[in-house]
Amino acid sequence: APAFLIAFLIAIWWIVVDRSDSPIFPTPGEVATG
């Protein structure tokens, strides 16, 4: 259950940042790359 919750939160994070087209706040992929 914790793993599914974390995955769900990461997915929400990615979708929100992607749709907002924020030039500052990073996506999970950018965070992992950095």
Full PDB file with SEQRES, HELIX, SHEET, SSBOND, CRYST1, ORIGX, SCALE, CONECT and MASTER records, all heavy atoms in Angstrom:
SEQRES   1 A   34  ALA PRO ALA PHE LEU ILE ALA PHE LEU ILE ALA ILE TRP          
SEQRES   2 A   34  TRP ILE VAL VAL ASP ARG SER ASP SER PRO ILE PHE PRO          
SEQRES   3 A   34  THR PRO GLY GLU VAL ALA THR GLY                              
HELIX    1 AA1 PRO A    2  SER A   20  1                                  19    
HELIX    2 AA2 PRO A   28  THR A   33  1                                   6    
CRYST1    1.000    1.000    1.000  90.00  90.00  90.00 P 1           1          
ORIGX1      1.000000  0.000000  0.000000        0.00000                         
ORIGX2      0.000000  1.000000  0.000000        0.00000                         
ORIGX3      0.000000  0.000000  1.000000        0.00000                         
SCALE1      1.000000  0.000000  0.000000        0.00000                         
SCALE2      0.000000  1.000000  0.000000        0.00000                         
SCALE3      0.000000  0.000000  1.000000        0.00000                         
ATOM      1  N   ALA A   1       0.809  -1.215   0.000  1.00  0.00           N  
ATOM      2  CA  ALA A   1       0.000   0.000   0.000  1.00  0.00           C  
ATOM      3  C   ALA A   1       0.845   1.270   0.000  1.00  0.00           C  
ATOM      4  O   ALA A   1       0.550   2.210  -0.752  1.00  0.00           O  
ATOM      5  CB  ALA A   1      -0.957  -0.020   1.187  1.00  0.00           C  
ATOM      6  N   PRO A   2       1.914   1.368   0.820  1.00  0.00           N  
ATOM      7  CA  PRO A   2       2.749   2.579   0.764  1.00  0.00           C  
ATOM      8  C   PRO A   2       3.361   2.812  -0.614  1.00  0.00           C  
ATOM      9  O   PRO A   2       3.445   3.955  -1.069  1.00  0.00           O  
ATOM     10  CB  PRO A   2       3.825   2.311   1.822  1.00  0.00           C  
ATOM     11  CG  PRO A   2       3.198   1.351   2.774  1.00  0.00           C  
ATOM     12  CD  PRO A   2       2.342   0.475   1.919  1.00  0.00           C  
ATOM     13  N   ALA A   3       3.786   1.730  -1.285  1.00  0.00           N  
ATOM     14  CA  ALA A   3       4.390   1.877  -2.610  1.00  0.00           C  
ATOM     15  C   ALA A   3       3.371   2.408  -3.615  1.00  0.00           C  
ATOM     16  O   ALA A   3       3.687   3.285  -4.438  1.00  0.00           O  
ATOM     17  CB  ALA A   3       4.945   0.529  -3.082  1.00  0.00           C  
ATOM     18  N   PHE A   4       2.142   1.902  -3.552  1.00  0.00           N  
ATOM     19  CA  PHE A   4       1.093   2.391  -4.458  1.00  0.00           C  
ATOM     20  C   PHE A   4       0.768   3.860  -4.166  1.00  0.00           C  
ATOM     21  O   PHE A   4       0.541   4.648  -5.087  1.00  0.00           O  
ATOM     22  CB  PHE A   4      -0.167   1.538  -4.317  1.00  0.00           C  
ATOM     23  CG  PHE A   4      -0.081   0.226  -5.038  1.00  0.00           C  
ATOM     24  CD1 PHE A   4      -0.179  -0.967  -4.337  1.00  0.00           C  
ATOM     25  CD2 PHE A   4       0.090   0.181  -6.418  1.00  0.00           C  
ATOM     26  CE1 PHE A   4      -0.103  -2.178  -5.001  1.00  0.00           C  
ATOM     27  CE2 PHE A   4       0.172  -1.030  -7.084  1.00  0.00           C  
ATOM     28  CZ  PHE A   4       0.078  -2.221  -6.371  1.00  0.00           C  
ATOM     29  N   LEU A   5       0.747   4.221  -2.886  1.00  0.00           N  
ATOM     30  CA  LEU A   5       0.466   5.614  -2.520  1.00  0.00           C  
ATOM     31  C   LEU A   5       1.548   6.542  -3.053  1.00  0.00           C  
ATOM     32  O   LEU A   5       1.246   7.615  -3.616  1.00  0.00           O  
ATOM     33  CB  LEU A   5       0.360   5.741  -1.004  1.00  0.00           C  
ATOM     34  CG  LEU A   5       0.156   7.164  -0.465  1.00  0.00           C  
ATOM     35  CD1 LEU A   5      -1.136   7.770  -1.018  1.00  0.00           C  
ATOM     36  CD2 LEU A   5       0.152   7.161   1.051  1.00  0.00           C  
ATOM     37  N   ILE A   6       2.802   6.157  -2.890  1.00  0.00           N  
ATOM     38  CA  ILE A   6       3.908   6.987  -3.383  1.00  0.00           C  
ATOM     39  C   ILE A   6       3.850   7.110  -4.898  1.00  0.00           C  
ATOM     40  O   ILE A   6       4.021   8.200  -5.461  1.00  0.00           O  
ATOM     41  CB  ILE A   6       5.258   6.398  -2.922  1.00  0.00           C  
ATOM     42  CG1 ILE A   6       5.389   6.524  -1.405  1.00  0.00           C  
ATOM     43  CG2 ILE A   6       6.417   7.102  -3.619  1.00  0.00           C  
ATOM     44  CD1 ILE A   6       6.596   5.821  -0.836  1.00  0.00           C  
ATOM     45  N   ALA A   7       3.588   5.986  -5.567  1.00  0.00           N  
ATOM     46  CA  ALA A   7       3.480   6.026  -7.026  1.00  0.00           C  
ATOM     47  C   ALA A   7       2.336   6.930  -7.472  1.00  0.00           C  
ATOM     48  O   ALA A   7       2.456   7.685  -8.458  1.00  0.00           O  
ATOM     49  CB  ALA A   7       3.291   4.614  -7.570  1.00  0.00           C  
ATOM     50  N   PHE A   8       1.235   6.866  -6.758  1.00  0.00           N  
ATOM     51  CA  PHE A   8       0.084   7.714  -7.090  1.00  0.00           C  
ATOM     52  C   PHE A   8       0.428   9.194  -6.924  1.00  0.00           C  
ATOM     53  O   PHE A   8       0.104  10.028  -7.781  1.00  0.00           O  
ATOM     54  CB  PHE A   8      -1.098   7.337  -6.191  1.00  0.00           C  
ATOM     55  CG  PHE A   8      -2.295   8.229  -6.349  1.00  0.00           C  
ATOM     56  CD1 PHE A   8      -3.121   8.124  -7.462  1.00  0.00           C  
ATOM     57  CD2 PHE A   8      -2.598   9.170  -5.376  1.00  0.00           C  
ATOM     58  CE1 PHE A   8      -4.228   8.954  -7.607  1.00  0.00           C  
ATOM     59  CE2 PHE A   8      -3.702   9.996  -5.514  1.00  0.00           C  
ATOM     60  CZ  PHE A   8      -4.510   9.893  -6.641  1.00  0.00           C  
ATOM     61  N   LEU A   9       1.102   9.543  -5.830  1.00  0.00           N  
ATOM     62  CA  LEU A   9       1.481  10.927  -5.586  1.00  0.00           C  
ATOM     63  C   LEU A   9       2.471  11.432  -6.636  1.00  0.00           C  
ATOM     64  O   LEU A   9       2.385  12.587  -7.082  1.00  0.00           O  
ATOM     65  CB  LEU A   9       2.080  11.072  -4.184  1.00  0.00           C  
ATOM     66  CG  LEU A   9       1.114  10.831  -3.019  1.00  0.00           C  
ATOM     67  CD1 LEU A   9       1.856  10.901  -1.690  1.00  0.00           C  
ATOM     68  CD2 LEU A   9      -0.031  11.838  -3.049  1.00  0.00           C  
ATOM     69  N   ILE A  10       3.399  10.575  -7.037  1.00  0.00           N  
ATOM     70  CA  ILE A  10       4.356  10.961  -8.086  1.00  0.00           C  
ATOM     71  C   ILE A  10       3.630  11.209  -9.399  1.00  0.00           C  
ATOM     72  O   ILE A  10       3.931  12.166 -10.132  1.00  0.00           O  
ATOM     73  CB  ILE A  10       5.444   9.881  -8.247  1.00  0.00           C  
ATOM     74  CG1 ILE A  10       6.347   9.859  -7.010  1.00  0.00           C  
ATOM     75  CG2 ILE A  10       6.275  10.138  -9.504  1.00  0.00           C  
ATOM     76  CD1 ILE A  10       7.364   8.744  -7.013  1.00  0.00           C  
ATOM     77  N   ALA A  11       2.660  10.354  -9.700  1.00  0.00           N  
ATOM     78  CA  ALA A  11       1.894  10.536 -10.932  1.00  0.00           C  
ATOM     79  C   ALA A  11       1.117  11.851 -10.904  1.00  0.00           C  
ATOM     80  O   ALA A  11       1.089  12.594 -11.908  1.00  0.00           O  
ATOM     81  CB  ALA A  11       0.945   9.355 -11.121  1.00  0.00           C  
ATOM     82  N   ILE A  12       0.482  12.159  -9.781  1.00  0.00           N  
ATOM     83  CA  ILE A  12      -0.238  13.433  -9.641  1.00  0.00           C  
ATOM     84  C   ILE A  12       0.723  14.604  -9.802  1.00  0.00           C  
ATOM     85  O   ILE A  12       0.420  15.594 -10.491  1.00  0.00           O  
ATOM     86  CB  ILE A  12      -0.954  13.496  -8.286  1.00  0.00           C  
ATOM     87  CG1 ILE A  12      -2.054  12.430  -8.201  1.00  0.00           C  
ATOM     88  CG2 ILE A  12      -1.528  14.886  -8.049  1.00  0.00           C  
ATOM     89  CD1 ILE A  12      -3.161  12.615  -9.208  1.00  0.00           C  
ATOM     90  N   TRP A  13       1.872  14.504  -9.165  1.00  0.00           N  
ATOM     91  CA  TRP A  13       2.896  15.546  -9.273  1.00  0.00           C  
ATOM     92  C   TRP A  13       3.281  15.772 -10.737  1.00  0.00           C  
ATOM     93  O   TRP A  13       3.328  16.906 -11.212  1.00  0.00           O  
ATOM     94  CB  TRP A  13       4.082  15.123  -8.412  1.00  0.00           C  
ATOM     95  CG  TRP A  13       5.358  15.908  -8.592  1.00  0.00           C  
ATOM     96  CD1 TRP A  13       5.531  17.113  -9.204  1.00  0.00           C  
ATOM     97  CD2 TRP A  13       6.649  15.508  -8.126  1.00  0.00           C  
ATOM     98  NE1 TRP A  13       6.846  17.494  -9.165  1.00  0.00           N  
ATOM     99  CE2 TRP A  13       7.548  16.536  -8.506  1.00  0.00           C  
ATOM    100  CE3 TRP A  13       7.128  14.396  -7.424  1.00  0.00           C  
ATOM    101  CZ2 TRP A  13       8.916  16.460  -8.202  1.00  0.00           C  
ATOM    102  CZ3 TRP A  13       8.473  14.331  -7.124  1.00  0.00           C  
ATOM    103  CH2 TRP A  13       9.355  15.354  -7.512  1.00  0.00           C  
ATOM    104  N   TRP A  14       3.541  14.690 -11.442  1.00  0.00           N  
ATOM    105  CA  TRP A  14       3.968  14.789 -12.841  1.00  0.00           C  
ATOM    106  C   TRP A  14       2.874  15.434 -13.709  1.00  0.00           C  
ATOM    107  O   TRP A  14       3.138  16.312 -14.526  1.00  0.00           O  
ATOM    108  CB  TRP A  14       4.319  13.400 -13.369  1.00  0.00           C  
ATOM    109  CG  TRP A  14       5.295  13.439 -14.513  1.00  0.00           C  
ATOM    110  CD1 TRP A  14       5.277  14.253 -15.607  1.00  0.00           C  
ATOM    111  CD2 TRP A  14       6.450  12.619 -14.655  1.00  0.00           C  
ATOM    112  NE1 TRP A  14       6.323  13.999 -16.427  1.00  0.00           N  
ATOM    113  CE2 TRP A  14       7.072  13.005 -15.868  1.00  0.00           C  
ATOM    114  CE3 TRP A  14       7.018  11.594 -13.905  1.00  0.00           C  
ATOM    115  CZ2 TRP A  14       8.233  12.388 -16.343  1.00  0.00           C  
ATOM    116  CZ3 TRP A  14       8.179  10.996 -14.368  1.00  0.00           C  
ATOM    117  CH2 TRP A  14       8.775  11.386 -15.574  1.00  0.00           C  
ATOM    118  N   ILE A  15       1.642  14.995 -13.491  1.00  0.00           N  
ATOM    119  CA  ILE A  15       0.539  15.517 -14.309  1.00  0.00           C  
ATOM    120  C   ILE A  15       0.324  17.006 -14.040  1.00  0.00           C  
ATOM    121  O   ILE A  15       0.155  17.798 -14.976  1.00  0.00           O  
ATOM    122  CB  ILE A  15      -0.755  14.717 -14.021  1.00  0.00           C  
ATOM    123  CG1 ILE A  15      -0.609  13.284 -14.541  1.00  0.00           C  
ATOM    124  CG2 ILE A  15      -1.964  15.399 -14.653  1.00  0.00           C  
ATOM    125  CD1 ILE A  15      -1.732  12.368 -14.100  1.00  0.00           C  
ATOM    126  N   VAL A  16       0.346  17.394 -12.756  1.00  0.00           N  
ATOM    127  CA  VAL A  16       0.107  18.794 -12.406  1.00  0.00           C  
ATOM    128  C   VAL A  16       1.187  19.699 -12.993  1.00  0.00           C  
ATOM    129  O   VAL A  16       0.899  20.752 -13.585  1.00  0.00           O  
ATOM    130  CB  VAL A  16       0.031  18.957 -10.880  1.00  0.00           C  
ATOM    131  CG1 VAL A  16       0.032  20.439 -10.498  1.00  0.00           C  
ATOM    132  CG2 VAL A  16      -1.207  18.268 -10.331  1.00  0.00           C  
ATOM    133  N   VAL A  17       2.444  19.314 -12.855  1.00  0.00           N  
ATOM    134  CA  VAL A  17       3.535  20.137 -13.375  1.00  0.00           C  
ATOM    135  C   VAL A  17       3.491  20.186 -14.896  1.00  0.00           C  
ATOM    136  O   VAL A  17       3.708  21.243 -15.513  1.00  0.00           O  
ATOM    137  CB  VAL A  17       4.898  19.592 -12.887  1.00  0.00           C  
ATOM    138  CG1 VAL A  17       6.049  20.362 -13.543  1.00  0.00           C  
ATOM    139  CG2 VAL A  17       5.004  19.690 -11.377  1.00  0.00           C  
ATOM    140  N   ASP A  18       3.187  19.044 -15.506  1.00  0.00           N  
ATOM    141  CA  ASP A  18       3.150  18.998 -16.967  1.00  0.00           C  
ATOM    142  C   ASP A  18       2.031  19.887 -17.524  1.00  0.00           C  
ATOM    143  O   ASP A  18       2.231  20.609 -18.509  1.00  0.00           O  
ATOM    144  CB  ASP A  18       2.957  17.557 -17.427  1.00  0.00           C  
ATOM    145  CG  ASP A  18       3.034  17.425 -18.937  1.00  0.00           C  
ATOM    146  OD1 ASP A  18       4.097  17.715 -19.500  1.00  0.00           O  
ATOM    147  OD2 ASP A  18       2.012  17.042 -19.550  1.00  0.00           O  
ATOM    148  N   ARG A  19       0.874  19.857 -16.892  1.00  0.00           N  
ATOM    149  CA  ARG A  19      -0.250  20.653 -17.394  1.00  0.00           C  
ATOM    150  C   ARG A  19      -0.100  22.145 -17.069  1.00  0.00           C  
ATOM    151  O   ARG A  19      -0.599  22.991 -17.816  1.00  0.00           O  
ATOM    152  CB  ARG A  19      -1.555  20.124 -16.805  1.00  0.00           C  
ATOM    153  CG  ARG A  19      -1.940  18.753 -17.353  1.00  0.00           C  
ATOM    154  CD  ARG A  19      -3.344  18.372 -16.957  1.00  0.00           C  
ATOM    155  NE  ARG A  19      -3.753  17.109 -17.565  1.00  0.00           N  
ATOM    156  CZ  ARG A  19      -4.953  16.563 -17.415  1.00  0.00           C  
ATOM    157  NH1 ARG A  19      -5.872  17.170 -16.660  1.00  0.00           N  
ATOM    158  NH2 ARG A  19      -5.253  15.420 -17.999  1.00  0.00           N  
ATOM    159  N   SER A  20       0.588  22.448 -15.973  1.00  0.00           N  
ATOM    160  CA  SER A  20       0.779  23.860 -15.627  1.00  0.00           C  
ATOM    161  C   SER A  20       1.870  24.506 -16.458  1.00  0.00           C  
ATOM    162  O   SER A  20       1.970  25.735 -16.520  1.00  0.00           O  
ATOM    163  CB  SER A  20       1.126  23.992 -14.145  1.00  0.00           C  
ATOM    164  OG  SER A  20       2.378  23.385 -13.865  1.00  0.00           O  
ATOM    165  N   ASP A  21       2.692  23.664 -17.077  1.00  0.00           N  
ATOM    166  CA  ASP A  21       3.791  24.162 -17.916  1.00  0.00           C  
ATOM    167  C   ASP A  21       4.666  25.136 -17.124  1.00  0.00           C  
ATOM    168  O   ASP A  21       5.056  26.197 -17.620  1.00  0.00           O  
ATOM    169  CB  ASP A  21       3.244  24.841 -19.174  1.00  0.00           C  
ATOM    170  CG  ASP A  21       4.318  24.986 -20.253  1.00  0.00           C  
ATOM    171  OD1 ASP A  21       5.297  24.212 -20.212  1.00  0.00           O  
ATOM    172  OD2 ASP A  21       4.191  25.892 -21.097  1.00  0.00           O  
ATOM    173  N   SER A  22       4.963  24.769 -15.877  1.00  0.00           N  
ATOM    174  CA  SER A  22       5.750  25.637 -14.998  1.00  0.00           C  
ATOM    175  C   SER A  22       7.206  25.670 -15.451  1.00  0.00           C  
ATOM    176  O   SER A  22       7.822  24.618 -15.661  1.00  0.00           O  
ATOM    177  CB  SER A  22       5.672  25.140 -13.551  1.00  0.00           C  
ATOM    178  OG  SER A  22       6.562  25.851 -12.730  1.00  0.00           O  
ATOM    179  N   PRO A  23       7.795  26.862 -15.608  1.00  0.00           N  
ATOM    180  CA  PRO A  23       9.203  26.952 -15.988  1.00  0.00           C  
ATOM    181  C   PRO A  23      10.150  26.753 -14.808  1.00  0.00           C  
ATOM    182  O   PRO A  23      11.363  26.671 -14.990  1.00  0.00           O  
ATOM    183  CB  PRO A  23       9.315  28.384 -16.525  1.00  0.00           C  
ATOM    184  CG  PRO A  23       8.294  29.148 -15.746  1.00  0.00           C  
ATOM    185  CD  PRO A  23       7.160  28.191 -15.495  1.00  0.00           C  
ATOM    186  N   ILE A  24       9.597  26.720 -13.601  1.00  0.00           N  
ATOM    187  CA  ILE A  24      10.437  26.640 -12.403  1.00  0.00           C  
ATOM    188  C   ILE A  24      10.322  25.283 -11.737  1.00  0.00           C  
ATOM    189  O   ILE A  24      11.321  24.602 -11.503  1.00  0.00           O  
ATOM    190  CB  ILE A  24      10.063  27.758 -11.404  1.00  0.00           C  
ATOM    191  CG1 ILE A  24      10.333  29.133 -12.028  1.00  0.00           C  
ATOM    192  CG2 ILE A  24      10.845  27.600 -10.116  1.00  0.00           C  
ATOM    193  CD1 ILE A  24       9.956  30.284 -11.127  1.00  0.00           C  
ATOM    194  N   PHE A  25       9.075  24.876 -11.424  1.00  0.00           N  
ATOM    195  CA  PHE A  25       8.903  23.649 -10.654  1.00  0.00           C  
ATOM    196  C   PHE A  25       9.203  22.438 -11.527  1.00  0.00           C  
ATOM    197  O   PHE A  25       8.662  22.307 -12.626  1.00  0.00           O  
ATOM    198  CB  PHE A  25       7.484  23.553 -10.098  1.00  0.00           C  
ATOM    199  CG  PHE A  25       7.394  22.674  -8.884  1.00  0.00           C  
ATOM    200  CD1 PHE A  25       7.763  23.155  -7.642  1.00  0.00           C  
ATOM    201  CD2 PHE A  25       6.972  21.367  -8.979  1.00  0.00           C  
ATOM    202  CE1 PHE A  25       7.685  22.363  -6.516  1.00  0.00           C  
ATOM    203  CE2 PHE A  25       6.897  20.558  -7.867  1.00  0.00           C  
ATOM    204  CZ  PHE A  25       7.257  21.054  -6.626  1.00  0.00           C  
ATOM    205  N   PRO A  26      10.065  21.512 -11.081  1.00  0.00           N  
ATOM    206  CA  PRO A  26      10.506  20.388 -11.923  1.00  0.00           C  
ATOM    207  C   PRO A  26       9.541  19.210 -11.888  1.00  0.00           C  
ATOM    208  O   PRO A  26       8.755  19.046 -10.953  1.00  0.00           O  
ATOM    209  CB  PRO A  26      11.839  20.003 -11.295  1.00  0.00           C  
ATOM    210  CG  PRO A  26      11.649  20.306  -9.840  1.00  0.00           C  
ATOM    211  CD  PRO A  26      10.781  21.537  -9.785  1.00  0.00           C  
ATOM    212  N   THR A  27       9.621  18.396 -12.913  1.00  0.00           N  
ATOM    213  CA  THR A  27       8.893  17.129 -12.960  1.00  0.00           C  
ATOM    214  C   THR A  27       9.685  16.076 -12.188  1.00  0.00           C  
ATOM    215  O   THR A  27      10.885  16.267 -11.923  1.00  0.00           O  
ATOM    216  CB  THR A  27       8.692  16.654 -14.392  1.00  0.00           C  
ATOM    217  OG1 THR A  27       9.981  16.371 -14.959  1.00  0.00           O  
ATOM    218  CG2 THR A  27       7.978  17.708 -15.231  1.00  0.00           C  
ATOM    219  N   PRO A  28       9.067  14.961 -11.825  1.00  0.00           N  
ATOM    220  CA  PRO A  28       9.834  13.890 -11.169  1.00  0.00           C  
ATOM    221  C   PRO A  28      11.006  13.415 -12.008  1.00  0.00           C  
ATOM    222  O   PRO A  28      12.060  13.080 -11.459  1.00  0.00           O  
ATOM    223  CB  PRO A  28       8.783  12.785 -10.993  1.00  0.00           C  
ATOM    224  CG  PRO A  28       7.488  13.513 -10.915  1.00  0.00           C  
ATOM    225  CD  PRO A  28       7.617  14.665 -11.842  1.00  0.00           C  
ATOM    226  N   GLY A  29      10.848  13.396 -13.322  1.00  0.00           N  
ATOM    227  CA  GLY A  29      11.954  12.981 -14.187  1.00  0.00           C  
ATOM    228  C   GLY A  29      13.141  13.923 -14.086  1.00  0.00           C  
ATOM    229  O   GLY A  29      14.304  13.488 -14.037  1.00  0.00           O  
ATOM    230  N   GLU A  30      12.877  15.217 -14.049  1.00  0.00           N  
ATOM    231  CA  GLU A  30      13.957  16.195 -13.929  1.00  0.00           C  
ATOM    232  C   GLU A  30      14.645  16.100 -12.572  1.00  0.00           C  
ATOM    233  O   GLU A  30      15.872  16.258 -12.469  1.00  0.00           O  
ATOM    234  CB  GLU A  30      13.394  17.602 -14.138  1.00  0.00           C  
ATOM    235  CG  GLU A  30      12.933  17.860 -15.565  1.00  0.00           C  
ATOM    236  CD  GLU A  30      12.147  19.152 -15.704  1.00  0.00           C  
ATOM    237  OE1 GLU A  30      11.625  19.646 -14.675  1.00  0.00           O  
ATOM    238  OE2 GLU A  30      12.055  19.653 -16.839  1.00  0.00           O  
ATOM    239  N   VAL A  31      13.869  15.832 -11.547  1.00  0.00           N  
ATOM    240  CA  VAL A  31      14.445  15.664 -10.214  1.00  0.00           C  
ATOM    241  C   VAL A  31      15.365  14.444 -10.180  1.00  0.00           C  
ATOM    242  O   VAL A  31      16.483  14.501  -9.648  1.00  0.00           O  
ATOM    243  CB  VAL A  31      13.331  15.521  -9.163  1.00  0.00           C  
ATOM    244  CG1 VAL A  31      13.917  15.113  -7.802  1.00  0.00           C  
ATOM    245  CG2 VAL A  31      12.559  16.823  -9.022  1.00  0.00           C  
ATOM    246  N   ALA A  32      14.903  13.344 -10.747  1.00  0.00           N  
ATOM    247  CA  ALA A  32      15.717  12.126 -10.783  1.00  0.00           C  
ATOM    248  C   ALA A  32      16.989  12.340 -11.597  1.00  0.00           C  
ATOM    249  O   ALA A  32      18.072  11.875 -11.210  1.00  0.00           O  
ATOM    250  CB  ALA A  32      14.900  10.968 -11.356  1.00  0.00           C  
ATOM    251  N   THR A  33      16.881  13.058 -12.706  1.00  0.00           N  
ATOM    252  CA  THR A  33      18.050  13.319 -13.548  1.00  0.00           C  
ATOM    253  C   THR A  33      19.078  14.170 -12.813  1.00  0.00           C  
ATOM    254  O   THR A  33      20.286  13.896 -12.844  1.00  0.00           O  
ATOM    255  CB  THR A  33      17.628  14.040 -14.844  1.00  0.00           C  
ATOM    256  OG1 THR A  33      16.699  13.212 -15.554  1.00  0.00           O  
ATOM    257  CG2 THR A  33      18.831  14.322 -15.727  1.00  0.00           C  
ATOM    258  N   GLY A  34      18.603  15.214 -12.118  1.00  0.00           N  
ATOM    259  CA  GLY A  34      19.516  16.064 -11.359  1.00  0.00           C  
ATOM    260  C   GLY A  34      20.201  15.313 -10.234  1.00  0.00           C  
ATOM    261  O   GLY A  34      21.411  15.470 -10.005  1.00  0.00           O  
TER     262      GLY A  34                                                      
MASTER        0    0    0    2    0    0    0    6  261    1    0    3          
END                                                                             
